[in-house]
Amino acid sequence: MTTASPAKRRGRSARKALREAEVTPRLSTIRYGVKPVEVVSTDELERIHEASMRILKNIGIVFRDDTALRQWAEAGADVQGDRVRLEAEMIEALVAKAPERFEMTGRGVDTRFELGLGNAVFAPMHGAPNIRDLDGTRRFSTIEDLKRINKIVQMSPGFHMSTGFSCEPTDIPVPWRHLHINLSSFIETDLATFGMGNGLGNAQDSVAMAKIVYGETFLENNVVMLTHASGNSPLVWDETMLDGLRVFIEAGQGALISPFVLGAANTPADVVATVAQLNAEALACIAYAQLVKPGAPVIYGQFSVAVSMKTGAPMSGMPEVSLINGIIGQLARRYGVPWRTTASQSAGKSFDAQSGYESATSYMAGVTANASLMLHAGGWDEAGMVHCLRKLVVDAEQNLMMARYAQGVSFDLLEEAMDAIGRVGPGGHFLGDSFTLAHFKDAFFSPTLLDYEAWEHWEQNGSRSMPERATEQAEALLASYEPPPIDPAISEELHAFVDRRQTEISPEIR
């Protein structure tokens, strides 16, 4: 008997996985069918809300930005120096102007979806300064790594959108990075994405490049890009983030507004008090966005991890973080705004059991709390310091599984299935029944990267570990990647814009 070589077996397996991935349509709007978890009672939720209101009124929020301070003063807030104290009535009236949901779209034909309460959206991680390559090597990430990530995301149906700075291209001077990050998003993918809103110039360039791709009129009426405005906890919003926030929302684009919680480090060592503080921070900036432009599409964001008192390092997958997720979901529904969680976070230093366990906990905590934006749902390891390419493709499949779970169950086929139970009767089996043959392909999700073979078959097929299977899948996706079509004139204008801005911006950090 002739046995195929392990290399040939692996090649066939990778091609088979890719064929199956190709027939899976890209995720569109996912409506939650599972009911959201409620960690606290209605009365307890009001106690948290009231505690947040006391923070806003009695302690206040620092806005390190002259424009914001002027706008708050004109709106009637108590502004003393850079400290803004806000009454509950003003906060709630402004937050009420934010939409519960809004559509986003890329330039591809299957890239429109709705982001909002009651829906789930999956996006890969962003911000990692390092890459863990397909051979397991950890190193600084480059522009070529960013392009590879975008190509994998483009080829993976488990992502609604790309994240722009999925990793930091450390081989590009910092003042120029935003240009190349945006360029890769618009060329390597045709998805909605994150622009670079960390500063006035970066935000203006991001919006200008989006206008080249989509046209100014389209941009005024469609959200194609989000900025990530990250708070400086405790209780500070700075000019860099607020400048970017204003540019994006004034251009009709969206903003993810995220306090940055390191439990027991920049918040109290208590879950409820931590939520009260981050809620005050988030509401202050959500309200400010509505002050700038009523009806601006915003997302209540939060990045929450516990901090180890032994090492000072962030800890992912902790039960307290899952509880925070549940409470934030309840608060977001109370205020009527979509919200974000971190879907696949891990502090693991390799693609190992810790990475999988922590990420699985984060995924389920987000979905059971009905998170609107499942951010970092692809590649996150080492507390966000590493984008793992192997994990990226595994997470992409996990997103498809989470999407199935999120939608809950359907009763559409119950009566037809009851007829099958009658036909088969006691002691029979359903394998050859007409109902099974008609519906088995859609009845249960069938992963391609998780292994369900018997030991003997697994051993015969090369004894491949999960990292090995993930490597093969990533290589197959990259080998089959074709750039999404783009008008050559638009591509040329984008490249010309980048070239021109590089002559205008010094590559030196000032």
Foldseek 3Di string as FASTA:
>chain_A
DDADDLVVLLLVLLVVQLVVQQVDAADAKFFFPFAADALDDPVLLVVLVVLLQCCQAPVAFFEAAPVLLVLLVVVPFDDDPRGTRDHPVLLLVLLLLAAQKDWAWFQDPRQIHIFGFRTEFEEAAAEAQWAQDLVRDIDGAALVNLLLLLLLVQSFSLHSAYEQRRYFHVVAQPVQRQLSSLLSRVWQHRYQYAHEQQAQVRLVLNLVLVCLFQNQVVQQPHARYEYEQEADAPRYGYDRSVNSLLSQQVSLYEYEYEYEEAAVPRFNVDLSRSLSRRVSNQSVVSSSSCSSPRHRHYAREYEYFYADPVPRDTAAQDPSVLSSLLSVLVVCVVSSHAYEYAQQAFLDPGPDPRSVNRNVSSNVSNLSSRHRYHYNQAQHYNRRNYRYQLRRNVSSLVSVVSSVVRHPDDCPCVVVVVVQCVVQDPPGDCCPPPVCVVPVVPPDDDDSLDDDDDPVVCVSSPVDDSSRSSSSNSVSSVVPGDIDDGDPVSSVVSVVSSVVVPVVDDSDDD
